[in-house]
Amino acid sequence: MEQTESNGIGFREVDQNGRAVDPETAGSTGTGAAPGSQAGNLRLNPFIIILWILAVGLNAAAVWGYVNAFSQGPIPGNMGPQVAFFVLSFAPLAGTLTVISLLFWHAVQWRRRST
């Protein structure tokens, strides 16, 4: 049995009613906005929101750890040495890398939307 070569398979998106969706309007939220308007294209990714909260929390913990380390001695507050080591060494690096990564992600998303 001989098979024909298919370079492009005709997949297409369908909505909940089974109608074909135009690829240019597939990203809209279905609020009835015009296809060219930006009002219907605002979608919030919950994972990105969680990462921003995590980044802010890590950077706040790093600042708090450094402020307490310099004002109360080598161990901030009533924390044990393991927690102090974690806060003073991991939180600044992780928070900064998370913010930088999220800014790059937002730049890529902005570039994709603008082209």
PDB file of N, CA and C in Angstrom:
ATOM      1  N   MET A   1       0.850  -1.170   0.000  1.00  0.00           N
ATOM      2  CA  MET A   1       0.000   0.000   0.000  1.00  0.00           C
ATOM      3  C   MET A   1       0.896   1.233   0.000  1.00  0.00           C
ATOM      4  N   GLU A   2       0.628   2.146  -0.868  1.00  0.00           N
ATOM      5  CA  GLU A   2       1.464   3.330  -1.021  1.00  0.00           C
ATOM      6  C   GLU A   2       0.790   4.524  -0.357  1.00  0.00           C
ATOM      7  N   GLN A   3       1.587   5.289   0.434  1.00  0.00           N
ATOM      8  CA  GLN A   3       1.052   6.463   1.104  1.00  0.00           C
ATOM      9  C   GLN A   3       1.515   7.712   0.383  1.00  0.00           C
ATOM     10  N   THR A   4       0.657   8.694   0.340  1.00  0.00           N
ATOM     11  CA  THR A   4       1.036   9.951  -0.282  1.00  0.00           C
ATOM     12  C   THR A   4       1.723  10.828   0.750  1.00  0.00           C
ATOM     13  N   GLU A   5       2.650  11.630   0.272  1.00  0.00           N
ATOM     14  CA  GLU A   5       3.389  12.519   1.159  1.00  0.00           C
ATOM     15  C   GLU A   5       2.547  13.760   1.428  1.00  0.00           C
ATOM     16  N   SER A   6       2.429  14.128   2.687  1.00  0.00           N
ATOM     17  CA  SER A   6       1.666  15.334   3.035  1.00  0.00           C
ATOM     18  C   SER A   6       2.591  16.271   3.791  1.00  0.00           C
ATOM     19  N   ASN A   7       2.940  17.352   3.136  1.00  0.00           N
ATOM     20  CA  ASN A   7       3.833  18.327   3.764  1.00  0.00           C
ATOM     21  C   ASN A   7       3.092  19.191   4.770  1.00  0.00           C
ATOM     22  N   GLY A   8       1.865  19.513   4.519  1.00  0.00           N
ATOM     23  CA  GLY A   8       1.121  20.365   5.428  1.00  0.00           C
ATOM     24  C   GLY A   8      -0.195  19.723   5.805  1.00  0.00           C
ATOM     25  N   ILE A   9      -0.326  19.360   7.044  1.00  0.00           N
ATOM     26  CA  ILE A   9      -1.566  18.761   7.511  1.00  0.00           C
ATOM     27  C   ILE A   9      -2.498  19.900   7.874  1.00  0.00           C
ATOM     28  N   GLY A  10      -3.724  19.817   7.485  1.00  0.00           N
ATOM     29  CA  GLY A  10      -4.671  20.909   7.664  1.00  0.00           C
ATOM     30  C   GLY A  10      -5.330  20.934   9.017  1.00  0.00           C
ATOM     31  N   PHE A  11      -4.588  21.133  10.087  1.00  0.00           N
ATOM     32  CA  PHE A  11      -5.183  21.281  11.408  1.00  0.00           C
ATOM     33  C   PHE A  11      -5.687  22.706  11.555  1.00  0.00           C
ATOM     34  N   ARG A  12      -6.780  22.854  12.250  1.00  0.00           N
ATOM     35  CA  ARG A  12      -7.286  24.186  12.541  1.00  0.00           C
ATOM     36  C   ARG A  12      -8.002  24.156  13.882  1.00  0.00           C
ATOM     37  N   GLU A  13      -8.030  25.292  14.524  1.00  0.00           N
ATOM     38  CA  GLU A  13      -8.690  25.422  15.815  1.00  0.00           C
ATOM     39  C   GLU A  13     -10.199  25.513  15.613  1.00  0.00           C
ATOM     40  N   VAL A  14     -10.936  24.965  16.543  1.00  0.00           N
ATOM     41  CA  VAL A  14     -12.392  25.087  16.526  1.00  0.00           C
ATOM     42  C   VAL A  14     -12.841  25.609  17.885  1.00  0.00           C
ATOM     43  N   ASP A  15     -13.959  26.332  17.882  1.00  0.00           N
ATOM     44  CA  ASP A  15     -14.488  26.830  19.139  1.00  0.00           C
ATOM     45  C   ASP A  15     -15.376  25.781  19.792  1.00  0.00           C
ATOM     46  N   GLN A  16     -16.048  26.145  20.881  1.00  0.00           N
ATOM     47  CA  GLN A  16     -16.846  25.170  21.611  1.00  0.00           C
ATOM     48  C   GLN A  16     -18.058  24.690  20.812  1.00  0.00           C
ATOM     49  N   ASN A  17     -18.434  25.400  19.757  1.00  0.00           N
ATOM     50  CA  ASN A  17     -19.556  24.995  18.912  1.00  0.00           C
ATOM     51  C   ASN A  17     -19.119  24.213  17.685  1.00  0.00           C
ATOM     52  N   GLY A  18     -17.823  23.988  17.505  1.00  0.00           N
ATOM     53  CA  GLY A  18     -17.324  23.224  16.384  1.00  0.00           C
ATOM     54  C   GLY A  18     -17.042  24.036  15.142  1.00  0.00           C
ATOM     55  N   ARG A  19     -17.157  25.356  15.222  1.00  0.00           N
ATOM     56  CA  ARG A  19     -16.867  26.201  14.067  1.00  0.00           C
ATOM     57  C   ARG A  19     -15.379  26.485  14.003  1.00  0.00           C
ATOM     58  N   ALA A  20     -14.851  26.591  12.767  1.00  0.00           N
ATOM     59  CA  ALA A  20     -13.428  26.882  12.575  1.00  0.00           C
ATOM     60  C   ALA A  20     -13.124  28.296  13.056  1.00  0.00           C
ATOM     61  N   VAL A  21     -11.985  28.453  13.731  1.00  0.00           N
ATOM     62  CA  VAL A  21     -11.564  29.742  14.261  1.00  0.00           C
ATOM     63  C   VAL A  21     -10.447  30.282  13.389  1.00  0.00           C
ATOM     64  N   ASP A  22     -10.540  31.561  13.034  1.00  0.00           N
ATOM     65  CA  ASP A  22      -9.494  32.211  12.247  1.00  0.00           C
ATOM     66  C   ASP A  22      -8.242  32.329  13.110  1.00  0.00           C
ATOM     67  N   PRO A  23      -7.038  31.976  12.608  1.00  0.00           N
ATOM     68  CA  PRO A  23      -5.823  32.025  13.426  1.00  0.00           C
ATOM     69  C   PRO A  23      -5.499  33.414  13.954  1.00  0.00           C
ATOM     70  N   GLU A  24      -5.899  34.463  13.233  1.00  0.00           N
ATOM     71  CA  GLU A  24      -5.599  35.820  13.708  1.00  0.00           C
ATOM     72  C   GLU A  24      -6.461  36.224  14.892  1.00  0.00           C
ATOM     73  N   THR A  25      -7.655  35.670  14.992  1.00  0.00           N
ATOM     74  CA  THR A  25      -8.532  36.016  16.110  1.00  0.00           C
ATOM     75  C   THR A  25      -8.576  34.925  17.160  1.00  0.00           C
ATOM     76  N   ALA A  26      -7.723  33.906  17.049  1.00  0.00           N
ATOM     77  CA  ALA A  26      -7.749  32.799  18.013  1.00  0.00           C
ATOM     78  C   ALA A  26      -7.315  33.245  19.394  1.00  0.00           C
ATOM     79  N   GLY A  27      -6.516  34.303  19.518  1.00  0.00           N
ATOM     80  CA  GLY A  27      -6.033  34.740  20.820  1.00  0.00           C
ATOM     81  C   GLY A  27      -6.989  35.623  21.575  1.00  0.00           C
ATOM     82  N   SER A  28      -8.084  36.060  20.941  1.00  0.00           N
ATOM     83  CA  SER A  28      -9.007  36.944  21.633  1.00  0.00           C
ATOM     84  C   SER A  28      -9.814  36.167  22.658  1.00  0.00           C
ATOM     85  N   THR A  29     -10.341  36.887  23.617  1.00  0.00           N
ATOM     86  CA  THR A  29     -11.081  36.248  24.699  1.00  0.00           C
ATOM     87  C   THR A  29     -12.543  36.054  24.370  1.00  0.00           C
ATOM     88  N   GLY A  30     -12.963  36.488  23.201  1.00  0.00           N
ATOM     89  CA  GLY A  30     -14.358  36.313  22.818  1.00  0.00           C
ATOM     90  C   GLY A  30     -15.280  37.311  23.468  1.00  0.00           C
ATOM     91  N   THR A  31     -14.791  38.510  23.776  1.00  0.00           N
ATOM     92  CA  THR A  31     -15.609  39.522  24.419  1.00  0.00           C
ATOM     93  C   THR A  31     -16.361  40.360  23.425  1.00  0.00           C
ATOM     94  N   GLY A  32     -16.242  40.042  22.141  1.00  0.00           N
ATOM     95  CA  GLY A  32     -16.943  40.808  21.133  1.00  0.00           C
ATOM     96  C   GLY A  32     -16.145  41.994  20.646  1.00  0.00           C
ATOM     97  N   ALA A  33     -14.890  42.100  20.994  1.00  0.00           N
ATOM     98  CA  ALA A  33     -14.066  43.211  20.547  1.00  0.00           C
ATOM     99  C   ALA A  33     -13.718  43.010  19.085  1.00  0.00           C
ATOM    100  N   ALA A  34     -13.409  44.099  18.425  1.00  0.00           N
ATOM    101  CA  ALA A  34     -13.021  44.035  17.023  1.00  0.00           C
ATOM    102  C   ALA A  34     -11.720  43.259  16.897  1.00  0.00           C
ATOM    103  N   PRO A  35     -11.501  42.542  15.770  1.00  0.00           N
ATOM    104  CA  PRO A  35     -10.303  41.730  15.640  1.00  0.00           C
ATOM    105  C   PRO A  35      -9.010  42.518  15.758  1.00  0.00           C
ATOM    106  N   GLY A  36      -8.983  43.775  15.364  1.00  0.00           N
ATOM    107  CA  GLY A  36      -7.747  44.548  15.426  1.00  0.00           C
ATOM    108  C   GLY A  36      -7.527  45.258  16.751  1.00  0.00           C
ATOM    109  N   SER A  37      -8.535  45.287  17.619  1.00  0.00           N
ATOM    110  CA  SER A  37      -8.396  46.030  18.866  1.00  0.00           C
ATOM    111  C   SER A  37      -7.636  45.216  19.903  1.00  0.00           C
ATOM    112  N   GLN A  38      -7.039  45.907  20.850  1.00  0.00           N
ATOM    113  CA  GLN A  38      -6.261  45.260  21.905  1.00  0.00           C
ATOM    114  C   GLN A  38      -7.113  44.943  23.128  1.00  0.00           C
ATOM    115  N   ALA A  39      -8.370  45.384  23.173  1.00  0.00           N
ATOM    116  CA  ALA A  39      -9.188  45.197  24.364  1.00  0.00           C
ATOM    117  C   ALA A  39      -9.472  43.731  24.633  1.00  0.00           C
ATOM    118  N   GLY A  40      -9.664  42.927  23.595  1.00  0.00           N
ATOM    119  CA  GLY A  40      -9.991  41.525  23.794  1.00  0.00           C
ATOM    120  C   GLY A  40      -8.770  40.630  23.949  1.00  0.00           C
ATOM    121  N   ASN A  41      -7.559  41.168  23.820  1.00  0.00           N
ATOM    122  CA  ASN A  41      -6.348  40.349  23.850  1.00  0.00           C
ATOM    123  C   ASN A  41      -5.670  40.316  25.207  1.00  0.00           C
ATOM    124  N   LEU A  42      -6.252  40.906  26.224  1.00  0.00           N
ATOM    125  CA  LEU A  42      -5.636  40.921  27.543  1.00  0.00           C
ATOM    126  C   LEU A  42      -5.941  39.609  28.252  1.00  0.00           C
ATOM    127  N   ARG A  43      -4.909  38.774  28.387  1.00  0.00           N
ATOM    128  CA  ARG A  43      -5.053  37.501  29.093  1.00  0.00           C
ATOM    129  C   ARG A  43      -3.986  37.441  30.163  1.00  0.00           C
ATOM    130  N   LEU A  44      -4.353  37.049  31.355  1.00  0.00           N
ATOM    131  CA  LEU A  44      -3.403  36.952  32.448  1.00  0.00           C
ATOM    132  C   LEU A  44      -3.029  35.494  32.660  1.00  0.00           C
ATOM    133  N   ASN A  45      -1.746  35.233  32.661  1.00  0.00           N
ATOM    134  CA  ASN A  45      -1.242  33.888  32.890  1.00  0.00           C
ATOM    135  C   ASN A  45      -1.039  33.712  34.395  1.00  0.00           C
ATOM    136  N   PRO A  46      -1.735  32.792  35.034  1.00  0.00           N
ATOM    137  CA  PRO A  46      -1.615  32.658  36.493  1.00  0.00           C
ATOM    138  C   PRO A  46      -0.210  32.236  36.933  1.00  0.00           C
ATOM    139  N   PHE A  47       0.504  31.501  36.085  1.00  0.00           N
ATOM    140  CA  PHE A  47       1.856  31.096  36.452  1.00  0.00           C
ATOM    141  C   PHE A  47       2.801  32.295  36.481  1.00  0.00           C
ATOM    142  N   ILE A  48       2.629  33.226  35.562  1.00  0.00           N
ATOM    143  CA  ILE A  48       3.464  34.419  35.542  1.00  0.00           C
ATOM    144  C   ILE A  48       3.142  35.297  36.748  1.00  0.00           C
ATOM    145  N   ILE A  49       1.879  35.383  37.117  1.00  0.00           N
ATOM    146  CA  ILE A  49       1.503  36.158  38.308  1.00  0.00           C
ATOM    147  C   ILE A  49       2.140  35.543  39.556  1.00  0.00           C
ATOM    148  N   ILE A  50       2.111  34.216  39.661  1.00  0.00           N
ATOM    149  CA  ILE A  50       2.731  33.542  40.807  1.00  0.00           C
ATOM    150  C   ILE A  50       4.233  33.782  40.819  1.00  0.00           C
ATOM    151  N   LEU A  51       4.865  33.743  39.644  1.00  0.00           N
ATOM    152  CA  LEU A  51       6.310  34.009  39.585  1.00  0.00           C
ATOM    153  C   LEU A  51       6.638  35.438  39.994  1.00  0.00           C
ATOM    154  N   TRP A  52       5.811  36.411  39.615  1.00  0.00           N
ATOM    155  CA  TRP A  52       6.053  37.789  40.055  1.00  0.00           C
ATOM    156  C   TRP A  52       5.909  37.908  41.578  1.00  0.00           C
ATOM    157  N   ILE A  53       4.910  37.252  42.136  1.00  0.00           N
ATOM    158  CA  ILE A  53       4.746  37.278  43.598  1.00  0.00           C
ATOM    159  C   ILE A  53       5.941  36.620  44.281  1.00  0.00           C
ATOM    160  N   LEU A  54       6.391  35.497  43.727  1.00  0.00           N
ATOM    161  CA  LEU A  54       7.567  34.814  44.272  1.00  0.00           C
ATOM    162  C   LEU A  54       8.814  35.702  44.184  1.00  0.00           C
ATOM    163  N   ALA A  55       8.988  36.389  43.062  1.00  0.00           N
ATOM    164  CA  ALA A  55      10.154  37.262  42.890  1.00  0.00           C
ATOM    165  C   ALA A  55      10.134  38.406  43.900  1.00  0.00           C
ATOM    166  N   VAL A  56       8.967  39.012  44.072  1.00  0.00           N
ATOM    167  CA  VAL A  56       8.861  40.105  45.046  1.00  0.00           C
ATOM    168  C   VAL A  56       9.125  39.576  46.456  1.00  0.00           C
ATOM    169  N   GLY A  57       8.578  38.397  46.778  1.00  0.00           N
ATOM    170  CA  GLY A  57       8.798  37.813  48.102  1.00  0.00           C
ATOM    171  C   GLY A  57      10.259  37.471  48.361  1.00  0.00           C
ATOM    172  N   LEU A  58      10.930  36.908  47.355  1.00  0.00           N
ATOM    173  CA  LEU A  58      12.354  36.581  47.521  1.00  0.00           C
ATOM    174  C   LEU A  58      13.206  37.829  47.692  1.00  0.00           C
ATOM    175  N   ASN A  59      12.916  38.855  46.900  1.00  0.00           N
ATOM    176  CA  ASN A  59      13.687  40.088  47.041  1.00  0.00           C
ATOM    177  C   ASN A  59      13.391  40.781  48.368  1.00  0.00           C
ATOM    178  N   ALA A  60      12.143  40.734  48.823  1.00  0.00           N
ATOM    179  CA  ALA A  60      11.818  41.313  50.134  1.00  0.00           C
ATOM    180  C   ALA A  60      12.501  40.534  51.254  1.00  0.00           C
ATOM    181  N   ALA A  61      12.546  39.206  51.141  1.00  0.00           N
ATOM    182  CA  ALA A  61      13.242  38.398  52.145  1.00  0.00           C
ATOM    183  C   ALA A  61      14.739  38.700  52.146  1.00  0.00           C
ATOM    184  N   ALA A  62      15.310  38.924  50.973  1.00  0.00           N
ATOM    185  CA  ALA A  62      16.736  39.252  50.903  1.00  0.00           C
ATOM    186  C   ALA A  62      17.026  40.592  51.566  1.00  0.00           C
ATOM    187  N   VAL A  63      16.202  41.583  51.285  1.00  0.00           N
ATOM    188  CA  VAL A  63      16.400  42.905  51.901  1.00  0.00           C
ATOM    189  C   VAL A  63      16.206  42.805  53.407  1.00  0.00           C
ATOM    190  N   TRP A  64      15.167  42.094  53.826  1.00  0.00           N
ATOM    191  CA  TRP A  64      14.921  41.939  55.260  1.00  0.00           C
ATOM    192  C   TRP A  64      16.084  41.205  55.927  1.00  0.00           C
ATOM    193  N   GLY A  65      16.601  40.183  55.281  1.00  0.00           N
ATOM    194  CA  GLY A  65      17.723  39.434  55.847  1.00  0.00           C
ATOM    195  C   GLY A  65      18.976  40.280  55.988  1.00  0.00           C
ATOM    196  N   TYR A  66      19.272  41.080  54.973  1.00  0.00           N
ATOM    197  CA  TYR A  66      20.461  41.936  55.056  1.00  0.00           C
ATOM    198  C   TYR A  66      20.302  43.037  56.099  1.00  0.00           C
ATOM    199  N   VAL A  67      19.112  43.619  56.185  1.00  0.00           N
ATOM    200  CA  VAL A  67      18.881  44.662  57.196  1.00  0.00           C
ATOM    201  C   VAL A  67      19.028  44.079  58.593  1.00  0.00           C
ATOM    202  N   ASN A  68      18.442  42.909  58.839  1.00  0.00           N
ATOM    203  CA  ASN A  68      18.546  42.286  60.152  1.00  0.00           C
ATOM    204  C   ASN A  68      19.950  41.761  60.431  1.00  0.00           C
ATOM    205  N   ALA A  69      20.662  41.313  59.421  1.00  0.00           N
ATOM    206  CA  ALA A  69      22.014  40.790  59.637  1.00  0.00           C
ATOM    207  C   ALA A  69      22.959  41.892  60.088  1.00  0.00           C
ATOM    208  N   PHE A  70      22.800  43.068  59.523  1.00  0.00           N
ATOM    209  CA  PHE A  70      23.705  44.156  59.882  1.00  0.00           C
ATOM    210  C   PHE A  70      23.293  44.887  61.143  1.00  0.00           C
ATOM    211  N   SER A  71      22.038  44.707  61.583  1.00  0.00           N
ATOM    212  CA  SER A  71      21.594  45.412  62.776  1.00  0.00           C
ATOM    213  C   SER A  71      21.609  44.533  64.027  1.00  0.00           C
ATOM    214  N   GLN A  72      21.544  43.196  63.892  1.00  0.00           N
ATOM    215  CA  GLN A  72      21.439  42.343  65.063  1.00  0.00           C
ATOM    216  C   GLN A  72      22.554  41.310  65.162  1.00  0.00           C
ATOM    217  N   GLY A  73      23.530  41.358  64.347  1.00  0.00           N
ATOM    218  CA  GLY A  73      24.594  40.371  64.428  1.00  0.00           C
ATOM    219  C   GLY A  73      24.530  39.378  63.286  1.00  0.00           C
ATOM    220  N   PRO A  74      25.206  38.253  63.446  1.00  0.00           N
ATOM    221  CA  PRO A  74      25.325  37.324  62.327  1.00  0.00           C
ATOM    222  C   PRO A  74      24.052  36.556  61.975  1.00  0.00           C
ATOM    223  N   ILE A  75      23.125  36.344  62.950  1.00  0.00           N
ATOM    224  CA  ILE A  75      21.904  35.590  62.669  1.00  0.00           C
ATOM    225  C   ILE A  75      20.723  36.551  62.776  1.00  0.00           C
ATOM    226  N   PRO A  76      20.006  36.789  61.650  1.00  0.00           N
ATOM    227  CA  PRO A  76      18.892  37.729  61.690  1.00  0.00           C
ATOM    228  C   PRO A  76      17.747  37.237  62.561  1.00  0.00           C
ATOM    229  N   GLY A  77      17.294  38.067  63.468  1.00  0.00           N
ATOM    230  CA  GLY A  77      16.127  37.763  64.295  1.00  0.00           C
ATOM    231  C   GLY A  77      16.311  36.513  65.123  1.00  0.00           C
ATOM    232  N   ASN A  78      15.263  35.718  65.225  1.00  0.00           N
ATOM    233  CA  ASN A  78      15.283  34.470  65.972  1.00  0.00           C
ATOM    234  C   ASN A  78      15.435  33.262  65.064  1.00  0.00           C
ATOM    235  N   MET A  79      15.905  33.465  63.859  1.00  0.00           N
ATOM    236  CA  MET A  79      16.060  32.355  62.922  1.00  0.00           C
ATOM    237  C   MET A  79      17.284  31.535  63.285  1.00  0.00           C
ATOM    238  N   GLY A  80      17.227  30.273  62.897  1.00  0.00           N
ATOM    239  CA  GLY A  80      18.380  29.418  63.079  1.00  0.00           C
ATOM    240  C   GLY A  80      19.424  29.713  62.005  1.00  0.00           C
ATOM    241  N   PRO A  81      20.614  29.168  62.170  1.00  0.00           N
ATOM    242  CA  PRO A  81      21.677  29.460  61.206  1.00  0.00           C
ATOM    243  C   PRO A  81      21.379  28.921  59.805  1.00  0.00           C
ATOM    244  N   GLN A  82      20.632  27.829  59.693  1.00  0.00           N
ATOM    245  CA  GLN A  82      20.318  27.287  58.371  1.00  0.00           C
ATOM    246  C   GLN A  82      19.386  28.216  57.597  1.00  0.00           C
ATOM    247  N   VAL A  83      18.376  28.726  58.276  1.00  0.00           N
ATOM    248  CA  VAL A  83      17.439  29.641  57.628  1.00  0.00           C
ATOM    249  C   VAL A  83      18.147  30.944  57.274  1.00  0.00           C
ATOM    250  N   ALA A  84      18.993  31.429  58.157  1.00  0.00           N
ATOM    251  CA  ALA A  84      19.742  32.652  57.869  1.00  0.00           C
ATOM    252  C   ALA A  84      20.655  32.461  56.666  1.00  0.00           C
ATOM    253  N   PHE A  85      21.312  31.313  56.586  1.00  0.00           N
ATOM    254  CA  PHE A  85      22.163  31.030  55.437  1.00  0.00           C
ATOM    255  C   PHE A  85      21.345  31.008  54.153  1.00  0.00           C
ATOM    256  N   PHE A  86      20.185  30.365  54.186  1.00  0.00           N
ATOM    257  CA  PHE A  86      19.315  30.295  53.019  1.00  0.00           C
ATOM    258  C   PHE A  86      18.866  31.683  52.576  1.00  0.00           C
ATOM    259  N   VAL A  87      18.398  32.478  53.539  1.00  0.00           N
ATOM    260  CA  VAL A  87      17.885  33.808  53.205  1.00  0.00           C
ATOM    261  C   VAL A  87      18.995  34.700  52.674  1.00  0.00           C
ATOM    262  N   LEU A  88      20.149  34.669  53.310  1.00  0.00           N
ATOM    263  CA  LEU A  88      21.219  35.587  52.919  1.00  0.00           C
ATOM    264  C   LEU A  88      21.966  35.147  51.662  1.00  0.00           C
ATOM    265  N   SER A  89      21.906  33.873  51.301  1.00  0.00           N
ATOM    266  CA  SER A  89      22.656  33.446  50.124  1.00  0.00           C
ATOM    267  C   SER A  89      21.764  33.123  48.930  1.00  0.00           C
ATOM    268  N   PHE A  90      20.606  32.525  49.143  1.00  0.00           N
ATOM    269  CA  PHE A  90      19.781  32.071  48.031  1.00  0.00           C
ATOM    270  C   PHE A  90      18.755  33.107  47.585  1.00  0.00           C
ATOM    271  N   ALA A  91      18.125  33.781  48.507  1.00  0.00           N
ATOM    272  CA  ALA A  91      17.030  34.692  48.168  1.00  0.00           C
ATOM    273  C   ALA A  91      17.449  35.825  47.235  1.00  0.00           C
ATOM    274  N   PRO A  92      18.580  36.500  47.446  1.00  0.00           N
ATOM    275  CA  PRO A  92      18.932  37.584  46.516  1.00  0.00           C
ATOM    276  C   PRO A  92      19.173  37.085  45.094  1.00  0.00           C
ATOM    277  N   LEU A  93      19.875  35.976  44.962  1.00  0.00           N
ATOM    278  CA  LEU A  93      20.160  35.440  43.636  1.00  0.00           C
ATOM    279  C   LEU A  93      18.886  34.939  42.959  1.00  0.00           C
ATOM    280  N   ALA A  94      18.077  34.186  43.671  1.00  0.00           N
ATOM    281  CA  ALA A  94      16.851  33.648  43.084  1.00  0.00           C
ATOM    282  C   ALA A  94      15.871  34.757  42.727  1.00  0.00           C
ATOM    283  N   GLY A  95      15.728  35.740  43.592  1.00  0.00           N
ATOM    284  CA  GLY A  95      14.825  36.859  43.299  1.00  0.00           C
ATOM    285  C   GLY A  95      15.268  37.664  42.103  1.00  0.00           C
ATOM    286  N   THR A  96      16.557  37.951  42.021  1.00  0.00           N
ATOM    287  CA  THR A  96      17.081  38.723  40.894  1.00  0.00           C
ATOM    288  C   THR A  96      16.963  37.946  39.589  1.00  0.00           C
ATOM    289  N   LEU A  97      17.305  36.671  39.602  1.00  0.00           N
ATOM    290  CA  LEU A  97      17.187  35.862  38.385  1.00  0.00           C
ATOM    291  C   LEU A  97      15.734  35.698  37.948  1.00  0.00           C
ATOM    292  N   THR A  98      14.827  35.600  38.892  1.00  0.00           N
ATOM    293  CA  THR A  98      13.415  35.490  38.553  1.00  0.00           C
ATOM    294  C   THR A  98      12.911  36.767  37.904  1.00  0.00           C
ATOM    295  N   VAL A  99      13.290  37.918  38.438  1.00  0.00           N
ATOM    296  CA  VAL A  99      12.873  39.193  37.838  1.00  0.00           C
ATOM    297  C   VAL A  99      13.450  39.343  36.436  1.00  0.00           C
ATOM    298  N   ILE A 100      14.728  39.031  36.259  1.00  0.00           N
ATOM    299  CA  ILE A 100      15.351  39.141  34.943  1.00  0.00           C
ATOM    300  C   ILE A 100      14.674  38.193  33.952  1.00  0.00           C
ATOM    301  N   SER A 101      14.405  36.966  34.370  1.00  0.00           N
ATOM    302  CA  SER A 101      13.749  35.997  33.493  1.00  0.00           C
ATOM    303  C   SER A 101      12.347  36.460  33.106  1.00  0.00           C
ATOM    304  N   LEU A 102      11.604  36.985  34.065  1.00  0.00           N
ATOM    305  CA  LEU A 102      10.261  37.469  33.759  1.00  0.00           C
ATOM    306  C   LEU A 102      10.297  38.673  32.832  1.00  0.00           C
ATOM    307  N   LEU A 103      11.270  39.551  32.984  1.00  0.00           N
ATOM    308  CA  LEU A 103      11.382  40.690  32.074  1.00  0.00           C
ATOM    309  C   LEU A 103      11.698  40.228  30.659  1.00  0.00           C
ATOM    310  N   PHE A 104      12.570  39.233  30.512  1.00  0.00           N
ATOM    311  CA  PHE A 104      12.838  38.673  29.184  1.00  0.00           C
ATOM    312  C   PHE A 104      11.586  38.024  28.610  1.00  0.00           C
ATOM    313  N   TRP A 105      10.844  37.302  29.443  1.00  0.00           N
ATOM    314  CA  TRP A 105       9.618  36.663  28.968  1.00  0.00           C
ATOM    315  C   TRP A 105       8.617  37.705  28.479  1.00  0.00           C
ATOM    316  N   HIS A 106       8.454  38.796  29.255  1.00  0.00           N
ATOM    317  CA  HIS A 106       7.536  39.859  28.844  1.00  0.00           C
ATOM    318  C   HIS A 106       8.007  40.524  27.556  1.00  0.00           C
ATOM    319  N   ALA A 107       9.319  40.694  27.393  1.00  0.00           N
ATOM    320  CA  ALA A 107       9.845  41.285  26.158  1.00  0.00           C
ATOM    321  C   ALA A 107       9.545  40.398  24.956  1.00  0.00           C
ATOM    322  N   VAL A 108       9.699  39.095  25.110  1.00  0.00           N
ATOM    323  CA  VAL A 108       9.407  38.162  24.011  1.00  0.00           C
ATOM    324  C   VAL A 108       7.917  38.199  23.689  1.00  0.00           C
ATOM    325  N   GLN A 109       7.071  38.210  24.708  1.00  0.00           N
ATOM    326  CA  GLN A 109       5.632  38.267  24.470  1.00  0.00           C
ATOM    327  C   GLN A 109       5.236  39.571  23.795  1.00  0.00           C
ATOM    328  N   TRP A 110       5.830  40.676  24.212  1.00  0.00           N
ATOM    329  CA  TRP A 110       5.525  41.966  23.604  1.00  0.00           C
ATOM    330  C   TRP A 110       5.962  41.981  22.146  1.00  0.00           C
ATOM    331  N   ARG A 111       7.147  41.428  21.877  1.00  0.00           N
ATOM    332  CA  ARG A 111       7.651  41.366  20.508  1.00  0.00           C
ATOM    333  C   ARG A 111       6.745  40.503  19.631  1.00  0.00           C
ATOM    334  N   ARG A 112       6.265  39.385  20.180  1.00  0.00           N
ATOM    335  CA  ARG A 112       5.389  38.491  19.426  1.00  0.00           C
ATOM    336  C   ARG A 112       4.058  39.178  19.109  1.00  0.00           C
ATOM    337  N   ARG A 113       3.528  39.964  20.054  1.00  0.00           N
ATOM    338  CA  ARG A 113       2.269  40.653  19.820  1.00  0.00           C
ATOM    339  C   ARG A 113       2.406  41.824  18.863  1.00  0.00           C
ATOM    340  N   SER A 114       3.563  42.467  18.861  1.00  0.00           N
ATOM    341  CA  SER A 114       3.739  43.649  18.016  1.00  0.00           C
ATOM    342  C   SER A 114       4.053  43.312  16.571  1.00  0.00           C
ATOM    343  N   THR A 115       4.434  42.065  16.288  1.00  0.00           N
ATOM    344  CA  THR A 115       4.726  41.709  14.896  1.00  0.00           C
ATOM    345  C   THR A 115       3.564  41.023  14.241  1.00  0.00           C
TER     346      THR A 115
END
